[in-house]
Amino acid sequence: MENKTHLVDEITGHRRMRRNRKADWTRRLVQENRLTVDDLIWPIFVIPGTGIVEPIPAMPGVNRMTVDKAVEAAKEAADLGIPALATFPNIEMELRDETGSNSLEKNNLINLTTAAIKKAVPNIGVITDVALDPFTSHGHDGILRGNEIVNDETVEQVARAAVYQADAGADIIAPSEMMDGRIGAIRQALDAAGHQSVGIMSYATKFSSAFYGPYREAISTGGLLKGDKKTYYIDPANGTEAVRDATLDVEEGADMLMVKPGLPYLDICWRLKEAFGLPTFAYQVSGEYAMIKAAAANGWIDGEKVMLETLLAFKRAGCDGILTYFAVDVARHLAKK
């Protein structure tokens, strides 16, 4: 045994990686990344009405909520220390049209939600999206003319919608529709309206992914979508194009960058953080969430451990925070620790 040990020492040069892993206290001392409640952004879904909490079948544990219930959820999140919410509306079908005109209503569902949350829970951040897909009859993120999602007309509309969202109290506008030039247009519109302090978290690299299905159920756009979104979302094969896209958003004034989906694109998270040094976020999207929940429900994985491991992976990839439907579960877990 002594000879074998001596041989190993000769091979390793007396360097043994396991010394730092030998006990819980040493592992904690040398841990490189940590997940905290400060890393969490909680996406929530809002619906018209009062007093309704409506489960989303494809996303076990996630609900659509009326504004009053969203306010209650915001209070719970704030009590847990979650810094911010990201809100997404599921509006009535009769309010959806070809141009998503309801996005320009000052008192639409998303703006009513923002105003109510900021009034009741002023210390929690509210992040809003100006993409048109919750408002269009065809399920696309922009205005459809013939068979084309028109870029410049969509940009003009989302910039106007961003101002109304800021008027309602949104702290950060997070445009996800991936039109060219939208960040600069939104920045100009916000500044002109006196909202210089409202930030922009750009969905800088939103990929044409198969992971969005449950989300589309949550906002009732899945059955509406005509065609696909490949003419404006990024090809999953293209990492360099994603960096170029993010570069334009940075030049146009983005304050923060987002990668969507999350776990399949950790390399993009790392590349954006290294390239720009801006606060960088990942969206652990509905499909990622649903896969973990389904596997856990079948007993194939330990759901809590996998949840935490995936979120820690975002931190290791350079992310400053994560949009995740697990936010409340994680916050409760961390509070117990």
C-alpha atoms as a PDB file:
ATOM      1  CA  MET A   1       0.000   0.000   0.000  1.00  0.00           C
ATOM      2  CA  GLU A   2       2.823   2.390   0.863  1.00  0.00           C
ATOM      3  CA  ASN A   3       4.495   1.752  -2.475  1.00  0.00           C
ATOM      4  CA  LYS A   4       1.252   2.383  -4.342  1.00  0.00           C
ATOM      5  CA  THR A   5       0.712   5.650  -2.482  1.00  0.00           C
ATOM      6  CA  HIS A   6       4.265   6.687  -3.248  1.00  0.00           C
ATOM      7  CA  LEU A   7       3.700   5.887  -6.925  1.00  0.00           C
ATOM      8  CA  VAL A   8       0.534   8.008  -7.026  1.00  0.00           C
ATOM      9  CA  ASP A   9       2.377  10.908  -5.412  1.00  0.00           C
ATOM     10  CA  GLU A  10       5.109  10.629  -8.021  1.00  0.00           C
ATOM     11  CA  ILE A  11       2.517  10.755 -10.797  1.00  0.00           C
ATOM     12  CA  THR A  12       0.512  13.644  -9.338  1.00  0.00           C
ATOM     13  CA  GLY A  13       3.455  15.624  -8.033  1.00  0.00           C
ATOM     14  CA  HIS A  14       1.783  15.586  -4.586  1.00  0.00           C
ATOM     15  CA  ARG A  15      -1.173  17.535  -6.013  1.00  0.00           C
ATOM     16  CA  ARG A  16      -4.397  15.955  -4.809  1.00  0.00           C
ATOM     17  CA  MET A  17      -7.667  17.647  -5.779  1.00  0.00           C
ATOM     18  CA  ARG A  18      -9.611  15.690  -3.179  1.00  0.00           C
ATOM     19  CA  ARG A  19      -7.979  17.518  -0.265  1.00  0.00           C
ATOM     20  CA  ASN A  20     -10.337  20.446  -0.810  1.00  0.00           C
ATOM     21  CA  ARG A  21     -13.341  18.113  -1.058  1.00  0.00           C
ATOM     22  CA  LYS A  22     -12.711  16.103   2.103  1.00  0.00           C
ATOM     23  CA  ALA A  23     -15.282  17.821   4.357  1.00  0.00           C
ATOM     24  CA  ASP A  24     -18.370  19.977   4.142  1.00  0.00           C
ATOM     25  CA  TRP A  25     -16.566  22.995   5.585  1.00  0.00           C
ATOM     26  CA  THR A  26     -13.725  22.821   3.048  1.00  0.00           C
ATOM     27  CA  ARG A  27     -16.169  22.408   0.184  1.00  0.00           C
ATOM     28  CA  ARG A  28     -18.014  25.513   1.350  1.00  0.00           C
ATOM     29  CA  LEU A  29     -14.783  27.469   1.670  1.00  0.00           C
ATOM     30  CA  VAL A  30     -13.688  26.801  -1.911  1.00  0.00           C
ATOM     31  CA  GLN A  31     -17.098  26.930  -3.625  1.00  0.00           C
ATOM     32  CA  GLU A  32     -16.726  29.172  -6.690  1.00  0.00           C
ATOM     33  CA  ASN A  33     -20.367  30.071  -7.363  1.00  0.00           C
ATOM     34  CA  ARG A  34     -23.396  30.469  -5.144  1.00  0.00           C
ATOM     35  CA  LEU A  35     -27.081  30.776  -5.846  1.00  0.00           C
ATOM     36  CA  THR A  36     -28.914  33.314  -3.692  1.00  0.00           C
ATOM     37  CA  VAL A  37     -32.391  34.782  -3.644  1.00  0.00           C
ATOM     38  CA  ASP A  38     -30.909  37.912  -5.213  1.00  0.00           C
ATOM     39  CA  ASP A  39     -30.378  35.941  -8.430  1.00  0.00           C
ATOM     40  CA  LEU A  40     -34.084  35.275  -8.997  1.00  0.00           C
ATOM     41  CA  ILE A  41     -36.686  36.884 -11.233  1.00  0.00           C
ATOM     42  CA  TRP A  42     -40.152  35.320 -11.096  1.00  0.00           C
ATOM     43  CA  PRO A  43     -42.221  35.263 -14.316  1.00  0.00           C
ATOM     44  CA  ILE A  44     -45.981  35.329 -13.637  1.00  0.00           C
ATOM     45  CA  PHE A  45     -49.049  35.121 -15.881  1.00  0.00           C
ATOM     46  CA  VAL A  46     -52.055  37.401 -15.454  1.00  0.00           C
ATOM     47  CA  ILE A  47     -55.640  37.038 -16.684  1.00  0.00           C
ATOM     48  CA  PRO A  48     -58.748  39.247 -16.559  1.00  0.00           C
ATOM     49  CA  GLY A  49     -61.219  38.992 -13.703  1.00  0.00           C
ATOM     50  CA  THR A  50     -61.037  38.861  -9.927  1.00  0.00           C
ATOM     51  CA  GLY A  51     -60.163  36.191  -7.418  1.00  0.00           C
ATOM     52  CA  ILE A  52     -59.009  33.588  -9.934  1.00  0.00           C
ATOM     53  CA  VAL A  53     -55.984  31.308  -9.693  1.00  0.00           C
ATOM     54  CA  GLU A  54     -55.979  29.031 -12.741  1.00  0.00           C
ATOM     55  CA  PRO A  55     -53.501  26.126 -13.041  1.00  0.00           C
ATOM     56  CA  ILE A  56     -51.555  25.725 -16.295  1.00  0.00           C
ATOM     57  CA  PRO A  57     -51.612  21.992 -17.143  1.00  0.00           C
ATOM     58  CA  ALA A  58     -48.313  21.990 -19.052  1.00  0.00           C
ATOM     59  CA  MET A  59     -46.539  23.792 -16.198  1.00  0.00           C
ATOM     60  CA  PRO A  60     -47.378  21.988 -12.930  1.00  0.00           C
ATOM     61  CA  GLY A  61     -47.249  24.394 -10.010  1.00  0.00           C
ATOM     62  CA  VAL A  62     -47.567  27.498 -12.216  1.00  0.00           C
ATOM     63  CA  ASN A  63     -50.846  29.428 -12.405  1.00  0.00           C
ATOM     64  CA  ARG A  64     -52.511  32.209 -14.293  1.00  0.00           C
ATOM     65  CA  MET A  65     -53.735  34.853 -11.835  1.00  0.00           C
ATOM     66  CA  THR A  66     -56.053  37.810 -11.869  1.00  0.00           C
ATOM     67  CA  VAL A  67     -54.562  41.152 -10.903  1.00  0.00           C
ATOM     68  CA  ASP A  68     -55.604  40.930  -7.248  1.00  0.00           C
ATOM     69  CA  LYS A  69     -54.010  37.505  -6.931  1.00  0.00           C
ATOM     70  CA  ALA A  70     -50.892  38.738  -8.733  1.00  0.00           C
ATOM     71  CA  VAL A  71     -50.590  41.436  -6.078  1.00  0.00           C
ATOM     72  CA  GLU A  72     -50.767  38.751  -3.378  1.00  0.00           C
ATOM     73  CA  ALA A  73     -48.079  36.777  -5.223  1.00  0.00           C
ATOM     74  CA  ALA A  74     -45.909  39.894  -5.440  1.00  0.00           C
ATOM     75  CA  LYS A  75     -46.206  40.392  -1.694  1.00  0.00           C
ATOM     76  CA  GLU A  76     -45.122  36.793  -1.093  1.00  0.00           C
ATOM     77  CA  ALA A  77     -42.181  37.206  -3.468  1.00  0.00           C
ATOM     78  CA  ALA A  78     -41.080  40.413  -1.751  1.00  0.00           C
ATOM     79  CA  ASP A  79     -41.321  38.766   1.670  1.00  0.00           C
ATOM     80  CA  LEU A  80     -39.060  35.997   0.386  1.00  0.00           C
ATOM     81  CA  GLY A  81     -36.541  38.567  -0.872  1.00  0.00           C
ATOM     82  CA  ILE A  82     -37.087  37.980  -4.610  1.00  0.00           C
ATOM     83  CA  PRO A  83     -35.945  41.200  -6.305  1.00  0.00           C
ATOM     84  CA  ALA A  84     -38.283  41.334  -9.304  1.00  0.00           C
ATOM     85  CA  LEU A  85     -41.209  39.895 -11.228  1.00  0.00           C
ATOM     86  CA  ALA A  86     -41.657  39.576 -14.987  1.00  0.00           C
ATOM     87  CA  THR A  87     -45.309  39.813 -15.999  1.00  0.00           C
ATOM     88  CA  PHE A  88     -47.041  38.268 -19.007  1.00  0.00           C
ATOM     89  CA  PRO A  89     -50.724  38.756 -19.915  1.00  0.00           C
ATOM     90  CA  ASN A  90     -53.294  36.322 -21.260  1.00  0.00           C
ATOM     91  CA  ILE A  91     -55.930  38.697 -22.602  1.00  0.00           C
ATOM     92  CA  GLU A  92     -59.375  37.959 -23.968  1.00  0.00           C
ATOM     93  CA  MET A  93     -59.455  36.627 -27.535  1.00  0.00           C
ATOM     94  CA  GLU A  94     -61.857  39.372 -28.610  1.00  0.00           C
ATOM     95  CA  LEU A  95     -59.178  41.960 -27.784  1.00  0.00           C
ATOM     96  CA  ARG A  96     -56.596  40.347 -30.088  1.00  0.00           C
ATOM     97  CA  ASP A  97     -56.231  41.530 -33.660  1.00  0.00           C
ATOM     98  CA  GLU A  98     -53.814  41.542 -36.596  1.00  0.00           C
ATOM     99  CA  THR A  99     -51.766  44.432 -35.223  1.00  0.00           C
ATOM    100  CA  GLY A 100     -51.931  43.739 -31.477  1.00  0.00           C
ATOM    101  CA  SER A 101     -53.589  47.106 -30.959  1.00  0.00           C
ATOM    102  CA  ASN A 102     -54.496  46.376 -27.329  1.00  0.00           C
ATOM    103  CA  SER A 103     -50.792  46.764 -26.516  1.00  0.00           C
ATOM    104  CA  LEU A 104     -51.376  50.506 -26.969  1.00  0.00           C
ATOM    105  CA  GLU A 105     -54.235  50.721 -24.475  1.00  0.00           C
ATOM    106  CA  LYS A 106     -53.016  52.583 -21.407  1.00  0.00           C
ATOM    107  CA  ASN A 107     -55.241  50.536 -19.116  1.00  0.00           C
ATOM    108  CA  ASN A 108     -54.685  47.133 -20.684  1.00  0.00           C
ATOM    109  CA  LEU A 109     -54.153  44.056 -18.533  1.00  0.00           C
ATOM    110  CA  ILE A 110     -50.378  44.271 -18.342  1.00  0.00           C
ATOM    111  CA  ASN A 111     -50.412  47.937 -17.331  1.00  0.00           C
ATOM    112  CA  LEU A 112     -53.167  47.440 -14.759  1.00  0.00           C
ATOM    113  CA  THR A 113     -51.098  44.638 -13.254  1.00  0.00           C
ATOM    114  CA  THR A 114     -47.986  46.793 -13.076  1.00  0.00           C
ATOM    115  CA  ALA A 115     -49.817  49.702 -11.458  1.00  0.00           C
ATOM    116  CA  ALA A 116     -51.462  47.460  -8.873  1.00  0.00           C
ATOM    117  CA  ILE A 117     -48.235  45.678  -7.933  1.00  0.00           C
ATOM    118  CA  LYS A 118     -46.204  48.879  -7.679  1.00  0.00           C
ATOM    119  CA  LYS A 119     -48.884  50.471  -5.506  1.00  0.00           C
ATOM    120  CA  ALA A 120     -49.097  47.522  -3.127  1.00  0.00           C
ATOM    121  CA  VAL A 121     -45.466  46.348  -3.198  1.00  0.00           C
ATOM    122  CA  PRO A 122     -43.361  49.347  -4.251  1.00  0.00           C
ATOM    123  CA  ASN A 123     -40.065  47.710  -3.267  1.00  0.00           C
ATOM    124  CA  ILE A 124     -40.282  44.891  -5.812  1.00  0.00           C
ATOM    125  CA  GLY A 125     -39.112  45.386  -9.388  1.00  0.00           C
ATOM    126  CA  VAL A 126     -41.525  44.918 -12.284  1.00  0.00           C
ATOM    127  CA  ILE A 127     -40.167  43.865 -15.671  1.00  0.00           C
ATOM    128  CA  THR A 128     -42.502  44.018 -18.662  1.00  0.00           C
ATOM    129  CA  ASP A 129     -42.280  42.701 -22.215  1.00  0.00           C
ATOM    130  CA  VAL A 130     -43.496  44.718 -25.212  1.00  0.00           C
ATOM    131  CA  ALA A 131     -43.646  41.858 -27.735  1.00  0.00           C
ATOM    132  CA  LEU A 132     -47.023  41.715 -29.442  1.00  0.00           C
ATOM    133  CA  ASP A 133     -47.714  37.965 -29.317  1.00  0.00           C
ATOM    134  CA  PRO A 134     -50.133  38.156 -26.335  1.00  0.00           C
ATOM    135  CA  PHE A 135     -52.114  40.782 -28.270  1.00  0.00           C
ATOM    136  CA  THR A 136     -52.193  39.457 -31.851  1.00  0.00           C
ATOM    137  CA  SER A 137     -54.771  37.169 -33.399  1.00  0.00           C
ATOM    138  CA  HIS A 138     -52.033  35.272 -35.253  1.00  0.00           C
ATOM    139  CA  GLY A 139     -49.671  34.638 -32.319  1.00  0.00           C
ATOM    140  CA  HIS A 140     -46.647  36.398 -33.796  1.00  0.00           C
ATOM    141  CA  ASP A 141     -44.488  38.865 -31.869  1.00  0.00           C
ATOM    142  CA  GLY A 142     -44.972  41.612 -34.454  1.00  0.00           C
ATOM    143  CA  ILE A 143     -47.401  43.027 -36.967  1.00  0.00           C
ATOM    144  CA  LEU A 144     -48.286  40.636 -39.781  1.00  0.00           C
ATOM    145  CA  ARG A 145     -48.752  42.101 -43.267  1.00  0.00           C
ATOM    146  CA  GLY A 146     -49.513  39.381 -45.765  1.00  0.00           C
ATOM    147  CA  ASN A 147     -46.962  36.686 -44.983  1.00  0.00           C
ATOM    148  CA  GLU A 148     -44.374  39.030 -43.460  1.00  0.00           C
ATOM    149  CA  ILE A 149     -43.770  40.251 -39.942  1.00  0.00           C
ATOM    150  CA  VAL A 150     -42.995  43.879 -40.742  1.00  0.00           C
ATOM    151  CA  ASN A 151     -39.999  45.185 -38.828  1.00  0.00           C
ATOM    152  CA  ASP A 152     -40.196  48.963 -38.705  1.00  0.00           C
ATOM    153  CA  GLU A 153     -43.927  49.242 -38.103  1.00  0.00           C
ATOM    154  CA  THR A 154     -43.605  46.736 -35.259  1.00  0.00           C
ATOM    155  CA  VAL A 155     -40.705  48.694 -33.761  1.00  0.00           C
ATOM    156  CA  GLU A 156     -42.734  51.903 -33.816  1.00  0.00           C
ATOM    157  CA  GLN A 157     -45.599  50.199 -32.003  1.00  0.00           C
ATOM    158  CA  VAL A 158     -43.518  48.445 -29.342  1.00  0.00           C
ATOM    159  CA  ALA A 159     -41.732  51.723 -28.601  1.00  0.00           C
ATOM    160  CA  ARG A 160     -45.090  53.401 -27.988  1.00  0.00           C
ATOM    161  CA  ALA A 161     -46.228  50.453 -25.857  1.00  0.00           C
ATOM    162  CA  ALA A 162     -43.021  50.705 -23.818  1.00  0.00           C
ATOM    163  CA  VAL A 163     -43.887  54.275 -22.857  1.00  0.00           C
ATOM    164  CA  TYR A 164     -47.345  53.214 -21.625  1.00  0.00           C
ATOM    165  CA  GLN A 165     -45.758  50.410 -19.628  1.00  0.00           C
ATOM    166  CA  ALA A 166     -43.303  52.839 -18.068  1.00  0.00           C
ATOM    167  CA  ASP A 167     -46.167  55.248 -17.338  1.00  0.00           C
ATOM    168  CA  ALA A 168     -47.847  52.422 -15.414  1.00  0.00           C
ATOM    169  CA  GLY A 169     -44.742  51.954 -13.271  1.00  0.00           C
ATOM    170  CA  ALA A 170     -42.617  49.346 -15.043  1.00  0.00           C
ATOM    171  CA  ASP A 171     -39.034  49.517 -13.833  1.00  0.00           C
ATOM    172  CA  ILE A 172     -37.475  47.648 -16.744  1.00  0.00           C
ATOM    173  CA  ILE A 173     -38.725  47.147 -20.288  1.00  0.00           C
ATOM    174  CA  ALA A 174     -37.679  43.757 -21.673  1.00  0.00           C
ATOM    175  CA  PRO A 175     -38.437  43.630 -25.417  1.00  0.00           C
ATOM    176  CA  SER A 176     -38.499  40.062 -26.719  1.00  0.00           C
ATOM    177  CA  GLU A 177     -39.846  40.377 -30.264  1.00  0.00           C
ATOM    178  CA  MET A 178     -36.366  40.463 -31.849  1.00  0.00           C
ATOM    179  CA  MET A 179     -37.073  43.208 -34.391  1.00  0.00           C
ATOM    180  CA  ASP A 180     -34.019  45.072 -35.678  1.00  0.00           C
ATOM    181  CA  GLY A 181     -33.510  48.518 -34.145  1.00  0.00           C
ATOM    182  CA  ARG A 182     -35.989  48.098 -31.318  1.00  0.00           C
ATOM    183  CA  ILE A 183     -33.604  48.884 -28.448  1.00  0.00           C
ATOM    184  CA  GLY A 184     -32.606  52.278 -29.829  1.00  0.00           C
ATOM    185  CA  ALA A 185     -36.207  53.164 -30.651  1.00  0.00           C
ATOM    186  CA  ILE A 186     -37.449  52.191 -27.196  1.00  0.00           C
ATOM    187  CA  ARG A 187     -34.628  54.110 -25.517  1.00  0.00           C
ATOM    188  CA  GLN A 188     -35.451  57.237 -27.516  1.00  0.00           C
ATOM    189  CA  ALA A 189     -39.174  56.909 -26.781  1.00  0.00           C
ATOM    190  CA  LEU A 190     -38.639  56.390 -23.060  1.00  0.00           C
ATOM    191  CA  ASP A 191     -36.252  59.324 -22.786  1.00  0.00           C
ATOM    192  CA  ALA A 192     -38.562  61.610 -24.739  1.00  0.00           C
ATOM    193  CA  ALA A 193     -41.398  60.712 -22.348  1.00  0.00           C
ATOM    194  CA  GLY A 194     -39.299  61.495 -19.268  1.00  0.00           C
ATOM    195  CA  HIS A 195     -38.502  57.880 -18.381  1.00  0.00           C
ATOM    196  CA  GLN A 196     -34.724  58.146 -18.416  1.00  0.00           C
ATOM    197  CA  SER A 197     -34.495  55.981 -15.289  1.00  0.00           C
ATOM    198  CA  VAL A 198     -36.425  53.063 -16.790  1.00  0.00           C
ATOM    199  CA  GLY A 199     -33.977  50.368 -17.868  1.00  0.00           C
ATOM    200  CA  ILE A 200     -33.977  48.055 -20.872  1.00  0.00           C
ATOM    201  CA  MET A 201     -33.250  44.353 -20.480  1.00  0.00           C
ATOM    202  CA  SER A 202     -32.862  43.207 -24.042  1.00  0.00           C
ATOM    203  CA  TYR A 203     -33.819  39.705 -25.063  1.00  0.00           C
ATOM    204  CA  ALA A 204     -30.580  40.027 -26.974  1.00  0.00           C
ATOM    205  CA  THR A 205     -30.376  36.425 -28.092  1.00  0.00           C
ATOM    206  CA  LYS A 206     -33.780  34.799 -28.352  1.00  0.00           C
ATOM    207  CA  PHE A 207     -33.503  31.550 -30.260  1.00  0.00           C
ATOM    208  CA  SER A 208     -36.030  29.833 -32.506  1.00  0.00           C
ATOM    209  CA  SER A 209     -36.460  27.076 -29.970  1.00  0.00           C
ATOM    210  CA  ALA A 210     -38.759  24.120 -29.373  1.00  0.00           C
ATOM    211  CA  PHE A 211     -38.688  24.835 -25.629  1.00  0.00           C
ATOM    212  CA  TYR A 212     -41.437  27.500 -25.648  1.00  0.00           C
ATOM    213  CA  GLY A 213     -44.493  25.245 -25.975  1.00  0.00           C
ATOM    214  CA  PRO A 214     -45.880  25.412 -22.415  1.00  0.00           C
ATOM    215  CA  TYR A 215     -45.455  29.213 -22.366  1.00  0.00           C
ATOM    216  CA  ARG A 216     -47.609  29.493 -25.471  1.00  0.00           C
ATOM    217  CA  GLU A 217     -50.254  27.483 -23.663  1.00  0.00           C
ATOM    218  CA  ALA A 218     -49.960  29.837 -20.692  1.00  0.00           C
ATOM    219  CA  ILE A 219     -50.738  32.938 -22.794  1.00  0.00           C
ATOM    220  CA  SER A 220     -53.055  31.087 -25.214  1.00  0.00           C
ATOM    221  CA  THR A 221     -51.077  31.702 -28.400  1.00  0.00           C
ATOM    222  CA  GLY A 222     -50.101  28.153 -29.318  1.00  0.00           C
ATOM    223  CA  GLY A 223     -53.221  27.436 -31.340  1.00  0.00           C
ATOM    224  CA  LEU A 224     -53.132  30.854 -32.996  1.00  0.00           C
ATOM    225  CA  LEU A 225     -49.652  30.791 -34.473  1.00  0.00           C
ATOM    226  CA  LYS A 226     -49.558  30.908 -38.250  1.00  0.00           C
ATOM    227  CA  GLY A 227     -46.261  29.542 -39.557  1.00  0.00           C
ATOM    228  CA  ASP A 228     -43.203  29.909 -37.348  1.00  0.00           C
ATOM    229  CA  LYS A 229     -40.932  32.621 -35.954  1.00  0.00           C
ATOM    230  CA  LYS A 230     -37.732  31.725 -37.772  1.00  0.00           C
ATOM    231  CA  THR A 231     -37.570  35.002 -39.720  1.00  0.00           C
ATOM    232  CA  TYR A 232     -36.943  36.969 -36.525  1.00  0.00           C
ATOM    233  CA  TYR A 233     -35.700  34.546 -33.856  1.00  0.00           C
ATOM    234  CA  ILE A 234     -32.096  33.298 -34.042  1.00  0.00           C
ATOM    235  CA  ASP A 235     -31.210  29.905 -35.507  1.00  0.00           C
ATOM    236  CA  PRO A 236     -30.151  27.583 -32.633  1.00  0.00           C
ATOM    237  CA  ALA A 237     -27.058  26.680 -34.677  1.00  0.00           C
ATOM    238  CA  ASN A 238     -25.694  30.236 -34.747  1.00  0.00           C
ATOM    239  CA  GLY A 239     -23.598  31.388 -31.804  1.00  0.00           C
ATOM    240  CA  THR A 240     -21.603  34.068 -33.622  1.00  0.00           C
ATOM    241  CA  GLU A 241     -24.767  35.585 -35.058  1.00  0.00           C
ATOM    242  CA  ALA A 242     -26.170  35.733 -31.529  1.00  0.00           C
ATOM    243  CA  VAL A 243     -23.147  37.722 -30.348  1.00  0.00           C
ATOM    244  CA  ARG A 244     -23.495  40.097 -33.319  1.00  0.00           C
ATOM    245  CA  ASP A 245     -27.167  40.594 -32.478  1.00  0.00           C
ATOM    246  CA  ALA A 246     -26.292  41.376 -28.872  1.00  0.00           C
ATOM    247  CA  THR A 247     -23.577  43.805 -30.021  1.00  0.00           C
ATOM    248  CA  LEU A 248     -26.176  45.897 -31.842  1.00  0.00           C
ATOM    249  CA  ASP A 249     -28.409  45.965 -28.766  1.00  0.00           C
ATOM    250  CA  VAL A 250     -25.516  47.122 -26.605  1.00  0.00           C
ATOM    251  CA  GLU A 251     -24.676  49.864 -29.104  1.00  0.00           C
ATOM    252  CA  GLU A 252     -28.323  50.985 -29.099  1.00  0.00           C
ATOM    253  CA  GLY A 253     -28.386  51.392 -25.317  1.00  0.00           C
ATOM    254  CA  ALA A 254     -29.394  48.108 -23.665  1.00  0.00           C
ATOM    255  CA  ASP A 255     -28.691  48.167 -19.918  1.00  0.00           C
ATOM    256  CA  MET A 256     -28.888  44.408 -19.484  1.00  0.00           C
ATOM    257  CA  LEU A 257     -28.813  41.373 -21.768  1.00  0.00           C
ATOM    258  CA  MET A 258     -30.864  38.197 -21.704  1.00  0.00           C
ATOM    259  CA  VAL A 259     -30.372  34.768 -23.251  1.00  0.00           C
ATOM    260  CA  LYS A 260     -33.485  32.709 -24.017  1.00  0.00           C
ATOM    261  CA  PRO A 261     -33.846  29.722 -23.615  1.00  0.00           C
ATOM    262  CA  GLY A 262     -31.381  29.146 -20.826  1.00  0.00           C
ATOM    263  CA  LEU A 263     -29.785  25.776 -20.186  1.00  0.00           C
ATOM    264  CA  PRO A 264     -29.266  24.756 -23.856  1.00  0.00           C
ATOM    265  CA  TYR A 265     -27.457  28.077 -24.421  1.00  0.00           C
ATOM    266  CA  LEU A 266     -25.013  28.351 -21.522  1.00  0.00           C
ATOM    267  CA  ASP A 267     -22.226  28.937 -24.023  1.00  0.00           C
ATOM    268  CA  ILE A 268     -24.042  32.061 -25.231  1.00  0.00           C
ATOM    269  CA  CYS A 269     -24.427  33.307 -21.648  1.00  0.00           C
ATOM    270  CA  TRP A 270     -20.672  32.973 -21.174  1.00  0.00           C
ATOM    271  CA  ARG A 271     -19.834  34.610 -24.512  1.00  0.00           C
ATOM    272  CA  LEU A 272     -22.059  37.636 -23.860  1.00  0.00           C
ATOM    273  CA  LYS A 273     -20.733  38.167 -20.354  1.00  0.00           C
ATOM    274  CA  GLU A 274     -17.151  37.903 -21.557  1.00  0.00           C
ATOM    275  CA  ALA A 275     -17.745  40.148 -24.574  1.00  0.00           C
ATOM    276  CA  PHE A 276     -19.667  42.997 -22.952  1.00  0.00           C
ATOM    277  CA  GLY A 277     -19.461  42.780 -19.157  1.00  0.00           C
ATOM    278  CA  LEU A 278     -23.064  43.955 -18.889  1.00  0.00           C
ATOM    279  CA  PRO A 279     -25.467  42.402 -16.400  1.00  0.00           C
ATOM    280  CA  THR A 280     -26.443  39.172 -18.131  1.00  0.00           C
ATOM    281  CA  PHE A 281     -29.527  37.078 -17.466  1.00  0.00           C
ATOM    282  CA  ALA A 282     -30.930  33.796 -18.684  1.00  0.00           C
ATOM    283  CA  TYR A 283     -34.559  32.766 -18.998  1.00  0.00           C
ATOM    284  CA  GLN A 284     -35.119  29.196 -17.842  1.00  0.00           C
ATOM    285  CA  VAL A 285     -38.099  28.798 -20.130  1.00  0.00           C
ATOM    286  CA  SER A 286     -41.312  26.840 -19.792  1.00  0.00           C
ATOM    287  CA  GLY A 287     -40.059  23.754 -21.606  1.00  0.00           C
ATOM    288  CA  GLU A 288     -37.033  23.507 -19.337  1.00  0.00           C
ATOM    289  CA  TYR A 289     -39.276  23.856 -16.291  1.00  0.00           C
ATOM    290  CA  ALA A 290     -41.820  21.326 -17.568  1.00  0.00           C
ATOM    291  CA  MET A 291     -39.173  18.696 -18.303  1.00  0.00           C
ATOM    292  CA  ILE A 292     -37.799  18.895 -14.767  1.00  0.00           C
ATOM    293  CA  LYS A 293     -41.280  18.751 -13.237  1.00  0.00           C
ATOM    294  CA  ALA A 294     -42.331  15.811 -15.415  1.00  0.00           C
ATOM    295  CA  ALA A 295     -39.194  13.796 -14.715  1.00  0.00           C
ATOM    296  CA  ALA A 296     -39.515  14.495 -10.990  1.00  0.00           C
ATOM    297  CA  ALA A 297     -43.183  13.502 -10.990  1.00  0.00           C
ATOM    298  CA  ASN A 298     -42.209  10.158 -12.532  1.00  0.00           C
ATOM    299  CA  GLY A 299     -39.517   9.590  -9.928  1.00  0.00           C
ATOM    300  CA  TRP A 300     -36.748   9.648 -12.515  1.00  0.00           C
ATOM    301  CA  ILE A 301     -34.837  12.517 -10.890  1.00  0.00           C
ATOM    302  CA  ASP A 302     -34.715  14.376  -7.599  1.00  0.00           C
ATOM    303  CA  GLY A 303     -36.637  17.462  -8.688  1.00  0.00           C
ATOM    304  CA  GLU A 304     -35.314  19.815  -6.013  1.00  0.00           C
ATOM    305  CA  LYS A 305     -31.676  18.868  -6.541  1.00  0.00           C
ATOM    306  CA  VAL A 306     -31.962  19.168 -10.329  1.00  0.00           C
ATOM    307  CA  MET A 307     -33.739  22.510  -9.984  1.00  0.00           C
ATOM    308  CA  LEU A 308     -30.898  23.877  -7.879  1.00  0.00           C
ATOM    309  CA  GLU A 309     -28.187  22.342 -10.068  1.00  0.00           C
ATOM    310  CA  THR A 310     -29.583  23.893 -13.239  1.00  0.00           C
ATOM    311  CA  LEU A 311     -29.822  27.319 -11.656  1.00  0.00           C
ATOM    312  CA  LEU A 312     -26.272  27.071 -10.339  1.00  0.00           C
ATOM    313  CA  ALA A 313     -25.167  26.233 -13.895  1.00  0.00           C
ATOM    314  CA  PHE A 314     -26.389  29.670 -14.996  1.00  0.00           C
ATOM    315  CA  LYS A 315     -24.236  31.299 -12.340  1.00  0.00           C
ATOM    316  CA  ARG A 316     -21.227  29.271 -13.443  1.00  0.00           C
ATOM    317  CA  ALA A 317     -21.880  30.425 -17.032  1.00  0.00           C
ATOM    318  CA  GLY A 318     -21.589  34.066 -15.948  1.00  0.00           C
ATOM    319  CA  CYS A 319     -25.219  35.003 -15.417  1.00  0.00           C
ATOM    320  CA  ASP A 320     -26.072  37.674 -12.880  1.00  0.00           C
ATOM    321  CA  GLY A 321     -29.590  36.337 -12.499  1.00  0.00           C
ATOM    322  CA  ILE A 322     -32.189  33.933 -13.838  1.00  0.00           C
ATOM    323  CA  LEU A 323     -35.806  34.271 -14.833  1.00  0.00           C
ATOM    324  CA  THR A 324     -37.296  31.034 -13.539  1.00  0.00           C
ATOM    325  CA  TYR A 325     -40.695  29.613 -12.651  1.00  0.00           C
ATOM    326  CA  PHE A 326     -38.908  27.913  -9.755  1.00  0.00           C
ATOM    327  CA  ALA A 327     -38.188  31.290  -8.126  1.00  0.00           C
ATOM    328  CA  VAL A 328     -40.558  30.941  -5.177  1.00  0.00           C
ATOM    329  CA  ASP A 329     -39.602  27.303  -4.561  1.00  0.00           C
ATOM    330  CA  VAL A 330     -35.917  28.218  -4.604  1.00  0.00           C
ATOM    331  CA  ALA A 331     -36.443  31.223  -2.333  1.00  0.00           C
ATOM    332  CA  ARG A 332     -38.272  29.061   0.190  1.00  0.00           C
ATOM    333  CA  HIS A 333     -35.508  26.449   0.041  1.00  0.00           C
ATOM    334  CA  LEU A 334     -32.805  29.053   0.573  1.00  0.00           C
ATOM    335  CA  ALA A 335     -34.734  30.596   3.458  1.00  0.00           C
ATOM    336  CA  LYS A 336     -34.800  27.213   5.221  1.00  0.00           C
ATOM    337  CA  LYS A 337     -31.033  26.910   4.843  1.00  0.00           C
END
